[in-house]
């Protein structure tokens, strides 16, 4: 695809004010867009006249690929969260508003906000970038909303860690709870998140909690990974899939493929074939769906709830509204296929692309189609084991893939302090087989655990 003709666009640069861009969401796509818009270059004199307002209900950016490590006591919550304001210390053209978006007047160019703990004013815009991400998709499975533990944000990860530790504390006091499933952890979804969670839980139990709970038969703890397809890690090659399964089974994970969860109860997981697994914990890693913000704003959406966009990521029918990342049904101009997967690289590249198109519009130039550059896929299975499939048909397994995974995630983390803290924690875990943040702060995880106890 070539250039896309410029659509009707306000001649904002003839006014004595800066071109206002509102970015909703401080995830990978939103941050990428805001950073790209804040940078100056020699190509256009108008770039210095862009004013960016970043809006998010959280005042921090979460590095989602490492949420599972918070949930399994490998990292502290603060290790993978970085204040949004801190990211833009050196960007005077970017401001942050801590609020939730409740609606928008797209014709007048106004975003309506609700402050989380304080009143906030509505924000005007010349361009709106929607990068609100996604939420957990339960596919309507009965009981998942009430009894399952998703893993999509920091609150989810902390709640799950609380719950896992509570299960062991409860079983230590009342060992009979083990027969009722107190130490059985069912992970649903054989994609990267499910595989990573299952492997990390198995290592946590066998190498760490075994030493913490000296009078508890930790060997009876079970991790059951349930996947409805015939294999794990669907996007990977067969050798990588086999390696992942073998590595999980070596760690004691029970891998159940071609199985589907029919319903979830407080202490039972019922499979489609009728089998009941006594389990006080179900971790839902079976998929995500687009954030409902697109529908709330009255934007066109496709069947999955993702916002309908054109080749340049401009929202269909709305010349000054753009969508990137998990919430957008974006298509790769190289292959004309889509929607693209809901992955961090897609969101980051989309954010940069939209920033470039906004600048082109300001300069009176036509926009160009989005071209996604697939830089590969990785998944870690535990200590010294991972799979990585990179461009040029480079495939890594085992220790080399694990080192590559570590290096990539350290580089991608926001904030130098976070990188140092994560590196130190990983080094400590490697040399001592210990994990630091095995603490229960209370909250949702602890509450669910107590509710499911059976004396």
Protein backbone atom coordinates (compact mmCIF):
# COMPACT_ATOMS: atom_id res chain seq x y z
CA UNK A 1 0.00 0.00 0.00
CA UNK A 2 1.13 3.51 -0.72
CA UNK A 3 0.27 6.84 0.76
CA UNK A 4 -3.21 7.50 2.07
CA UNK A 5 -4.79 10.81 1.06
CA UNK A 6 -5.04 13.43 3.77
CA UNK A 7 -8.54 13.83 5.18
CA UNK A 8 -10.24 16.93 6.51
CA UNK A 9 -8.01 18.25 9.23
CA UNK A 10 -8.08 21.48 11.25
CA UNK A 11 -5.41 24.02 10.35
CA UNK A 12 -4.32 24.21 13.96
CA UNK A 13 -0.82 25.46 13.26
CA UNK A 14 -2.17 28.77 11.94
CA UNK A 15 -3.46 29.46 15.44
CA UNK A 16 -1.39 30.86 18.27
CA UNK A 17 -1.57 27.67 20.28
CA UNK A 18 0.01 24.27 20.25
CA UNK A 19 -1.55 21.28 18.53
CA UNK A 20 -3.18 19.28 21.35
CA UNK A 21 -2.94 15.50 21.39
CA UNK A 22 -4.64 13.44 24.11
CA UNK A 23 -3.32 9.90 24.60
CA UNK A 24 -5.55 7.56 26.63
CA UNK A 25 -3.59 4.77 28.30
CA UNK A 26 -0.03 4.53 29.62
CA UNK A 27 0.67 1.03 28.41
CA UNK A 28 3.22 0.16 25.74
CA UNK A 29 1.28 1.80 22.89
CA UNK A 30 0.35 4.97 24.76
CA UNK A 31 3.88 5.54 26.06
CA UNK A 32 5.37 4.94 22.62
CA UNK A 33 3.02 7.49 21.05
CA UNK A 34 3.65 10.11 23.74
CA UNK A 35 7.42 9.67 23.58
CA UNK A 36 7.49 9.89 19.79
CA UNK A 37 5.33 13.03 19.78
CA UNK A 38 7.54 14.67 22.41
CA UNK A 39 10.74 14.27 20.38
CA UNK A 40 12.09 16.97 18.07
CA UNK A 41 13.69 16.24 14.74
CA UNK A 42 14.96 18.22 11.78
CA UNK A 43 12.20 16.93 9.47
CA UNK A 44 9.45 19.26 10.67
CA UNK A 45 9.39 22.58 12.45
CA UNK A 46 5.92 21.82 13.76
CA UNK A 47 7.00 19.01 16.06
CA UNK A 48 7.97 21.45 18.81
CA UNK A 49 4.39 22.79 18.74
CA UNK A 50 2.69 19.53 19.80
CA UNK A 51 1.29 19.39 23.34
CA UNK A 52 0.60 15.90 24.66
CA UNK A 53 -1.72 15.04 27.54
CA UNK A 54 -1.44 11.44 28.74
CA UNK A 55 -4.44 10.12 30.68
CA UNK A 56 -4.61 6.94 32.76
CA UNK A 57 -6.54 5.69 35.78
CA UNK A 58 -3.20 4.51 37.24
CA UNK A 59 -0.28 6.87 37.80
CA UNK A 60 2.21 4.20 36.78
CA UNK A 61 3.17 2.10 33.78
CA UNK A 62 3.10 -1.67 34.31
CA UNK A 63 5.56 -3.95 32.54
CA UNK A 64 3.01 -6.67 31.88
CA UNK A 65 5.38 -9.42 30.62
CA UNK A 66 6.71 -9.78 34.18
CA UNK A 67 3.39 -9.79 36.03
CA UNK A 68 3.66 -13.54 36.50
CA UNK A 69 6.90 -13.05 38.44
CA UNK A 70 5.13 -10.76 40.90
CA UNK A 71 2.36 -13.34 41.23
CA UNK A 72 4.89 -16.11 41.96
CA UNK A 73 7.02 -14.12 44.44
CA UNK A 74 9.93 -13.61 42.07
CA UNK A 75 9.74 -9.81 41.99
CA UNK A 76 8.24 -6.98 44.02
CA UNK A 77 5.31 -5.09 42.53
CA UNK A 78 7.39 -1.91 42.44
CA UNK A 79 10.02 -3.65 40.30
CA UNK A 80 7.75 -3.70 37.26
CA UNK A 81 5.85 -0.45 37.83
CA UNK A 82 7.24 3.00 37.03
CA UNK A 83 5.58 6.38 37.69
CA UNK A 84 4.33 7.89 34.44
CA UNK A 85 5.40 11.37 35.48
CA UNK A 86 8.92 10.09 36.07
CA UNK A 87 9.14 8.73 32.54
CA UNK A 88 8.55 12.22 31.12
CA UNK A 89 10.74 14.30 33.45
CA UNK A 90 12.72 15.59 30.47
CA UNK A 91 9.71 16.07 28.19
CA UNK A 92 8.18 19.52 28.84
CA UNK A 93 5.62 18.97 26.09
CA UNK A 94 4.04 16.00 27.87
CA UNK A 95 1.70 16.31 30.85
CA UNK A 96 -0.11 13.58 32.79
CA UNK A 97 -3.64 13.45 34.21
CA UNK A 98 -4.52 10.78 36.77
CA UNK A 99 -8.14 10.02 35.85
CA UNK A 100 -10.52 7.64 34.12
CA UNK A 101 -12.11 8.46 30.78
CA UNK A 102 -15.91 8.49 31.05
CA UNK A 103 -16.75 9.66 27.54
CA UNK A 104 -15.91 12.15 24.82
CA UNK A 105 -17.44 14.72 22.51
CA UNK A 106 -15.66 13.69 19.34
CA UNK A 107 -17.16 16.48 17.25
CA UNK A 108 -16.04 19.26 19.58
CA UNK A 109 -12.78 17.50 20.53
CA UNK A 110 -13.25 17.07 24.29
CA UNK A 111 -12.47 14.09 26.52
CA UNK A 112 -14.58 13.75 29.68
CA UNK A 113 -12.65 12.61 32.77
CA UNK A 114 -13.37 11.41 36.29
CA UNK A 115 -10.53 11.80 38.80
CA UNK A 116 -9.86 8.74 40.92
CA UNK A 117 -9.72 10.77 44.14
CA UNK A 118 -10.19 14.38 43.03
CA UNK A 119 -12.18 16.40 40.50
CA UNK A 120 -10.50 16.99 37.14
CA UNK A 121 -11.39 19.15 34.17
CA UNK A 122 -12.27 17.80 30.76
CA UNK A 123 -9.39 17.89 28.27
CA UNK A 124 -9.64 19.35 24.74
CA UNK A 125 -7.89 17.70 21.81
CA UNK A 126 -7.07 18.16 18.16
CA UNK A 127 -6.09 14.49 17.93
CA UNK A 128 -7.12 11.64 20.22
CA UNK A 129 -5.03 8.46 20.51
CA UNK A 130 -6.89 5.56 22.18
CA UNK A 131 -4.42 3.08 23.68
CA UNK A 132 -6.46 1.67 26.56
CA UNK A 133 -5.29 -1.92 26.14
CA UNK A 134 -7.37 -4.98 26.93
CA UNK A 135 -9.04 -6.90 29.73
CA UNK A 136 -9.39 -10.56 30.60
CA UNK A 137 -11.62 -12.62 28.32
CA UNK A 138 -13.41 -15.42 30.19
CA UNK A 139 -15.36 -16.49 27.07
CA UNK A 140 -18.46 -16.68 29.26
CA UNK A 141 -17.18 -19.68 31.25
CA UNK A 142 -19.39 -19.97 34.34
CA UNK A 143 -17.65 -19.25 37.63
CA UNK A 144 -14.47 -17.71 36.27
CA UNK A 145 -15.48 -14.15 37.16
CA UNK A 146 -16.38 -15.18 40.72
CA UNK A 147 -13.67 -17.70 41.52
CA UNK A 148 -10.86 -17.33 38.97
CA UNK A 149 -7.72 -15.25 39.18
CA UNK A 150 -6.86 -13.26 36.04
CA UNK A 151 -3.36 -11.95 35.45
CA UNK A 152 -3.52 -8.75 33.44
CA UNK A 153 -2.62 -5.94 35.84
CA UNK A 154 -0.62 -5.31 39.00
CA UNK A 155 -3.63 -5.73 41.29
CA UNK A 156 -4.27 -9.16 39.71
CA UNK A 157 -0.67 -10.24 40.31
CA UNK A 158 -0.66 -9.09 43.94
CA UNK A 159 -4.02 -10.74 44.64
CA UNK A 160 -2.79 -14.03 43.16
CA UNK A 161 0.44 -13.94 45.18
CA UNK A 162 -1.57 -13.31 48.37
CA UNK A 163 -3.88 -16.18 47.56
CA UNK A 164 -1.11 -18.68 46.74
CA UNK A 165 0.69 -17.96 50.00
CA UNK A 166 -2.59 -18.06 51.96
CA UNK A 167 -3.27 -21.53 50.57
CA UNK A 168 0.00 -22.80 51.97
CA UNK A 169 -0.55 -21.08 55.32
CA UNK A 170 -4.04 -22.62 55.55
CA UNK A 171 -2.77 -26.10 54.63
CA UNK A 172 0.03 -25.80 57.17
CA UNK A 173 -2.57 -25.30 59.91
CA UNK A 174 -5.06 -27.84 58.53
CA UNK A 175 -3.30 -30.46 56.33
CA UNK A 176 -6.66 -32.10 55.54
CA UNK A 177 -7.29 -29.16 53.21
CA UNK A 178 -4.77 -30.66 50.77
CA UNK A 179 -7.21 -33.47 49.92
CA UNK A 180 -9.83 -30.81 49.21
CA UNK A 181 -7.54 -29.10 46.68
CA UNK A 182 -5.97 -26.34 48.77
CA UNK A 183 -2.59 -26.97 47.14
CA UNK A 184 -3.87 -27.69 43.63
CA UNK A 185 -3.39 -24.81 41.19
CA UNK A 186 -5.10 -25.04 37.81
CA UNK A 187 -3.72 -22.76 35.09
CA UNK A 188 -6.01 -22.35 32.07
CA UNK A 189 -4.36 -21.37 28.81
CA UNK A 190 -1.31 -22.85 27.12
CA UNK A 191 0.03 -19.63 25.61
CA UNK A 192 3.15 -17.82 26.86
CA UNK A 193 1.45 -16.48 30.01
CA UNK A 194 0.04 -19.83 31.04
CA UNK A 195 3.32 -21.64 30.38
CA UNK A 196 5.32 -19.03 32.31
CA UNK A 197 2.97 -19.04 35.29
CA UNK A 198 2.88 -22.84 35.49
CA UNK A 199 6.66 -23.17 35.35
CA UNK A 200 7.22 -20.43 37.92
CA UNK A 201 4.69 -21.90 40.35
CA UNK A 202 6.28 -25.35 40.13
CA UNK A 203 9.70 -23.90 40.93
CA UNK A 204 8.31 -21.76 43.75
CA UNK A 205 6.77 -24.81 45.41
CA UNK A 206 9.63 -27.26 44.98
CA UNK A 207 12.59 -24.98 45.63
CA UNK A 208 11.33 -22.26 47.98
CA UNK A 209 8.12 -23.06 49.83
CA UNK A 210 9.36 -26.57 50.52
CA UNK A 211 11.95 -24.99 52.82
CA UNK A 212 9.54 -22.44 54.30
CA UNK A 213 6.92 -25.01 55.34
CA UNK A 214 9.03 -27.65 57.06
CA UNK A 215 6.09 -29.58 58.53
CA UNK A 216 3.95 -29.53 55.39
CA UNK A 217 4.10 -32.16 52.67
CA UNK A 218 4.72 -29.60 49.89
CA UNK A 219 5.37 -32.46 47.49
CA UNK A 220 1.60 -32.93 47.31
CA UNK A 221 1.15 -29.50 45.72
CA UNK A 222 -0.03 -29.77 42.12
CA UNK A 223 0.18 -27.47 39.12
CA UNK A 224 -2.22 -28.46 36.32
CA UNK A 225 -1.97 -26.67 32.98
CA UNK A 226 -5.12 -26.96 30.85
CA UNK A 227 -5.11 -26.11 27.13
CA UNK A 228 -8.01 -26.73 24.74
CA UNK A 229 -5.77 -27.07 21.65
CA UNK A 230 -3.62 -30.15 20.91
CA UNK A 231 -0.39 -28.33 21.82
CA UNK A 232 1.05 -25.53 23.95
CA UNK A 233 2.42 -22.24 22.56
CA UNK A 234 0.36 -22.23 19.39
CA UNK A 235 2.36 -19.53 17.50
CA UNK A 236 5.65 -21.40 17.97
CA UNK A 237 7.20 -24.20 15.92
CA UNK A 238 6.79 -27.86 16.84
CA UNK A 239 10.33 -28.22 18.32
CA UNK A 240 9.74 -25.22 20.59
CA UNK A 241 6.37 -26.58 21.69
CA UNK A 242 7.87 -29.97 22.51
CA UNK A 243 10.71 -28.37 24.45
CA UNK A 244 8.29 -26.27 26.47
CA UNK A 245 6.13 -29.24 27.37
CA UNK A 246 9.09 -31.42 28.30
CA UNK A 247 10.57 -28.67 30.48
CA UNK A 248 7.25 -28.17 32.27
CA UNK A 249 6.76 -31.87 32.88
CA UNK A 250 10.31 -32.16 34.24
CA UNK A 251 9.27 -29.57 36.83
CA UNK A 252 6.24 -31.61 37.80
CA UNK A 253 3.57 -29.67 35.91
CA UNK A 254 0.63 -31.82 34.77
CA UNK A 255 -0.02 -30.77 31.16
CA UNK A 256 -3.56 -31.45 29.95
CA UNK A 257 -4.09 -30.63 26.26
CA UNK A 258 -7.33 -30.91 24.32
CA UNK A 259 -9.21 -30.23 27.54
CA UNK A 260 -11.67 -27.43 28.19
CA UNK A 261 -13.02 -25.95 31.41
CA UNK A 262 -16.80 -26.20 31.62
CA UNK A 263 -17.29 -24.30 34.88
CA UNK A 264 -15.45 -23.16 37.98
CA UNK A 265 -16.58 -23.46 41.59
CA UNK A 266 -14.98 -22.16 44.77
CA UNK A 267 -13.04 -25.38 45.33
CA UNK A 268 -13.60 -27.31 42.10
CA UNK A 269 -12.70 -27.01 38.43
CA UNK A 270 -15.04 -29.02 36.20
CA UNK A 271 -13.76 -30.02 32.77
CA UNK A 272 -15.94 -30.44 29.69
CA UNK A 273 -15.60 -34.21 29.87
CA UNK A 274 -17.11 -34.25 33.36
CA UNK A 275 -13.92 -34.65 35.40
CA UNK A 276 -13.80 -32.60 38.60
CA UNK A 277 -10.43 -31.38 39.82
CA UNK A 278 -10.42 -30.43 43.53
CA UNK A 279 -8.68 -27.06 43.39
CA UNK A 280 -8.96 -23.87 45.43
CA UNK A 281 -7.11 -21.88 42.78
CA UNK A 282 -7.83 -21.32 39.10
CA UNK A 283 -5.54 -18.95 37.20
CA UNK A 284 -7.13 -17.71 33.98
CA UNK A 285 -4.55 -17.12 31.24
CA UNK A 286 -6.76 -18.15 28.32
CA UNK A 287 -6.99 -14.84 26.50
CA UNK A 288 -7.86 -11.16 26.53
CA UNK A 289 -10.44 -8.92 24.89
CA UNK A 290 -10.35 -5.27 23.97
CA UNK A 291 -11.00 -2.66 26.64
CA UNK A 292 -14.67 -1.58 26.37
CA UNK A 293 -13.60 2.07 26.10
CA UNK A 294 -13.96 1.95 22.31
CA UNK A 295 -17.68 1.20 22.58
CA UNK A 296 -18.05 3.74 25.40
CA UNK A 297 -16.70 6.46 23.12
CA UNK A 298 -19.05 5.43 20.33
CA UNK A 299 -16.25 4.29 18.04
CA UNK A 300 -16.83 1.52 15.48
CA UNK A 301 -15.73 -1.90 16.69
CA UNK A 302 -15.35 -5.34 15.16
CA UNK A 303 -16.72 -8.58 16.60
CA UNK A 304 -14.02 -8.92 19.26
CA UNK A 305 -14.62 -5.40 20.56
CA UNK A 306 -11.46 -3.98 19.01
CA UNK A 307 -11.74 -0.56 17.41
CA UNK A 308 -12.01 -0.57 13.62
CA UNK A 309 -9.11 1.31 12.07
CA UNK A 310 -7.87 2.03 8.58
CA UNK A 311 -4.47 1.03 7.18
CA UNK A 312 -2.87 4.11 8.84
CA UNK A 313 -4.48 3.27 12.25
CA UNK A 314 -6.93 6.15 11.92
CA UNK A 315 -10.34 5.17 13.37
CA UNK A 316 -12.90 4.61 10.64
CA UNK A 317 -15.15 7.66 10.26
CA UNK A 318 -13.20 9.81 12.71
CA UNK A 319 -10.32 11.70 11.04
CA UNK A 320 -8.80 12.96 14.29
CA UNK A 321 -9.08 9.75 16.33
CA UNK A 322 -6.49 6.96 16.30
CA UNK A 323 -6.24 3.57 18.02
CA UNK A 324 -3.17 1.47 18.79
CA UNK A 325 -2.26 -1.70 20.63
CA UNK A 326 -4.61 -4.32 22.06
CA UNK A 327 -7.68 -2.15 21.61
CA UNK A 328 -7.15 -1.67 17.85
CA UNK A 329 -7.99 -4.11 15.05
CA UNK A 330 -4.83 -3.11 13.21
CA UNK A 331 -3.69 -4.70 9.95
CA UNK A 332 -0.16 -5.15 8.65
CA UNK A 333 0.23 -3.39 5.29
CA UNK A 334 3.00 -5.83 4.33
CA UNK A 335 0.71 -8.86 4.39
CA UNK A 336 -2.74 -7.23 4.42
CA UNK A 337 -3.61 -9.62 7.24
CA UNK A 338 -5.05 -8.94 10.65
CA UNK A 339 -6.06 -8.10 13.19
CA UNK A 340 -2.52 -8.23 14.47
CA UNK A 341 -1.89 -10.12 17.74
CA UNK A 342 -2.34 -8.31 21.04
CA UNK A 343 1.37 -8.09 21.86
CA UNK A 344 3.63 -5.37 23.25
CA UNK A 345 5.72 -4.97 20.04
CA UNK A 346 2.55 -4.38 17.98
CA UNK A 347 1.44 -1.69 20.45
CA UNK A 348 4.84 0.02 20.59
CA UNK A 349 5.29 0.13 16.83
CA UNK A 350 1.71 1.29 16.42
CA UNK A 351 2.23 4.12 18.89
CA UNK A 352 5.27 5.39 17.01
CA UNK A 353 3.45 5.08 13.69
CA UNK A 354 0.46 7.11 14.87
CA UNK A 355 2.76 9.85 16.19
CA UNK A 356 4.38 10.07 12.76
CA UNK A 357 0.98 10.24 11.02
CA UNK A 358 -0.20 13.07 13.26
CA UNK A 359 2.91 15.04 12.36
CA UNK A 360 2.38 14.32 8.68
CA UNK A 361 -1.18 15.58 8.91
CA UNK A 362 0.00 18.78 10.62
CA UNK A 363 2.48 19.29 7.79
CA UNK A 364 -0.26 18.79 5.23
CA UNK A 365 1.10 15.43 4.06
CA UNK A 366 -0.89 12.26 3.40
CA UNK A 367 -0.63 9.45 5.91
CA UNK A 368 0.99 6.10 5.18
CA UNK A 369 -0.09 2.57 6.04
CA UNK A 370 1.18 0.78 9.15
CA UNK A 371 3.78 -1.90 8.55
CA UNK A 372 4.50 -4.22 11.45
CA UNK A 373 8.02 -5.58 11.84
CA UNK A 374 7.88 -8.94 13.57
CA UNK A 375 11.01 -9.18 15.72
CA UNK A 376 10.23 -12.63 17.09
CA UNK A 377 8.50 -14.30 20.02
CA UNK A 378 9.81 -15.59 23.34
CA UNK A 379 8.50 -17.52 26.33
CA UNK A 380 10.31 -18.59 29.46
CA UNK A 381 9.56 -21.89 31.17
CA UNK A 382 11.62 -21.41 34.31
CA UNK A 383 15.17 -21.30 35.45
CA UNK A 384 17.56 -21.84 32.49
CA UNK A 385 14.76 -22.80 30.11
CA UNK A 386 13.00 -20.74 27.46
CA UNK A 387 12.08 -20.79 23.78
CA UNK A 388 12.78 -17.97 21.35
CA UNK A 389 11.94 -17.70 17.66
CA UNK A 390 13.59 -14.73 15.98
CA UNK A 391 13.75 -13.35 12.42
CA UNK A 392 15.88 -15.13 9.82
CA UNK A 393 14.53 -18.44 11.19
CA UNK A 394 16.72 -18.22 14.29
CA UNK A 395 15.35 -20.58 16.93
CA UNK A 396 16.77 -20.85 20.41
CA UNK A 397 15.86 -23.28 23.17
CA UNK A 398 17.05 -23.92 26.70
CA UNK A 399 19.74 -21.81 28.34
CA UNK A 400 20.62 -19.57 25.32
CA UNK A 401 16.96 -18.67 24.85
CA UNK A 402 16.62 -17.99 28.58
CA UNK A 403 19.59 -15.58 28.55
CA UNK A 404 18.15 -13.80 25.50
CA UNK A 405 14.79 -13.54 27.28
CA UNK A 406 16.42 -12.04 30.39
CA UNK A 407 18.41 -9.49 28.39
CA UNK A 408 15.44 -8.36 26.29
CA UNK A 409 13.17 -7.85 29.28
CA UNK A 410 15.81 -5.90 31.18
CA UNK A 411 16.28 -3.56 28.23
CA UNK A 412 12.54 -3.04 27.78
CA UNK A 413 11.86 -2.16 31.42
CA UNK A 414 11.07 1.50 32.07
CA UNK A 415 13.42 3.20 34.52
CA UNK A 416 17.01 2.55 35.50
CA UNK A 417 16.07 1.79 39.11
CA UNK A 418 13.64 -0.90 37.94
CA UNK A 419 16.30 -2.50 35.75
CA UNK A 420 18.79 -2.60 38.61
CA UNK A 421 16.24 -3.96 41.07
CA UNK A 422 15.05 -6.69 38.70
CA UNK A 423 18.62 -7.68 37.84
CA UNK A 424 19.56 -7.92 41.52
CA UNK A 425 16.46 -9.99 42.29
CA UNK A 426 17.13 -12.34 39.41
CA UNK A 427 20.77 -12.74 40.44
CA UNK A 428 19.72 -13.43 44.04
CA UNK A 429 17.17 -16.02 42.90
CA UNK A 430 19.74 -17.68 40.67
CA UNK A 431 22.49 -18.05 43.26
CA UNK A 432 20.37 -18.82 46.33
CA UNK A 433 17.23 -20.51 44.97
CA UNK A 434 15.39 -18.09 47.22
CA UNK A 435 12.72 -15.47 46.54
CA UNK A 436 12.25 -12.29 48.51
CA UNK A 437 8.68 -10.95 48.35
CA UNK A 438 6.84 -13.86 50.01
CA UNK A 439 4.59 -11.52 51.96
CA UNK A 440 0.82 -11.36 52.33
CA UNK A 441 -0.62 -7.87 52.42
CA UNK A 442 -4.25 -9.00 52.71
CA UNK A 443 -6.84 -7.86 50.22
CA UNK A 444 -8.68 -9.83 47.58
CA UNK A 445 -6.36 -12.83 47.46
CA UNK A 446 -6.44 -13.39 51.22
CA UNK A 447 -10.22 -12.86 51.35
CA UNK A 448 -10.87 -15.46 48.65
CA UNK A 449 -8.56 -17.92 50.35
CA UNK A 450 -10.40 -17.71 53.67
CA UNK A 451 -13.79 -18.00 51.95
CA UNK A 452 -12.78 -21.28 50.33
CA UNK A 453 -11.44 -22.91 53.50
CA UNK A 454 -13.23 -26.01 54.68
CA UNK A 455 -12.55 -26.87 58.33
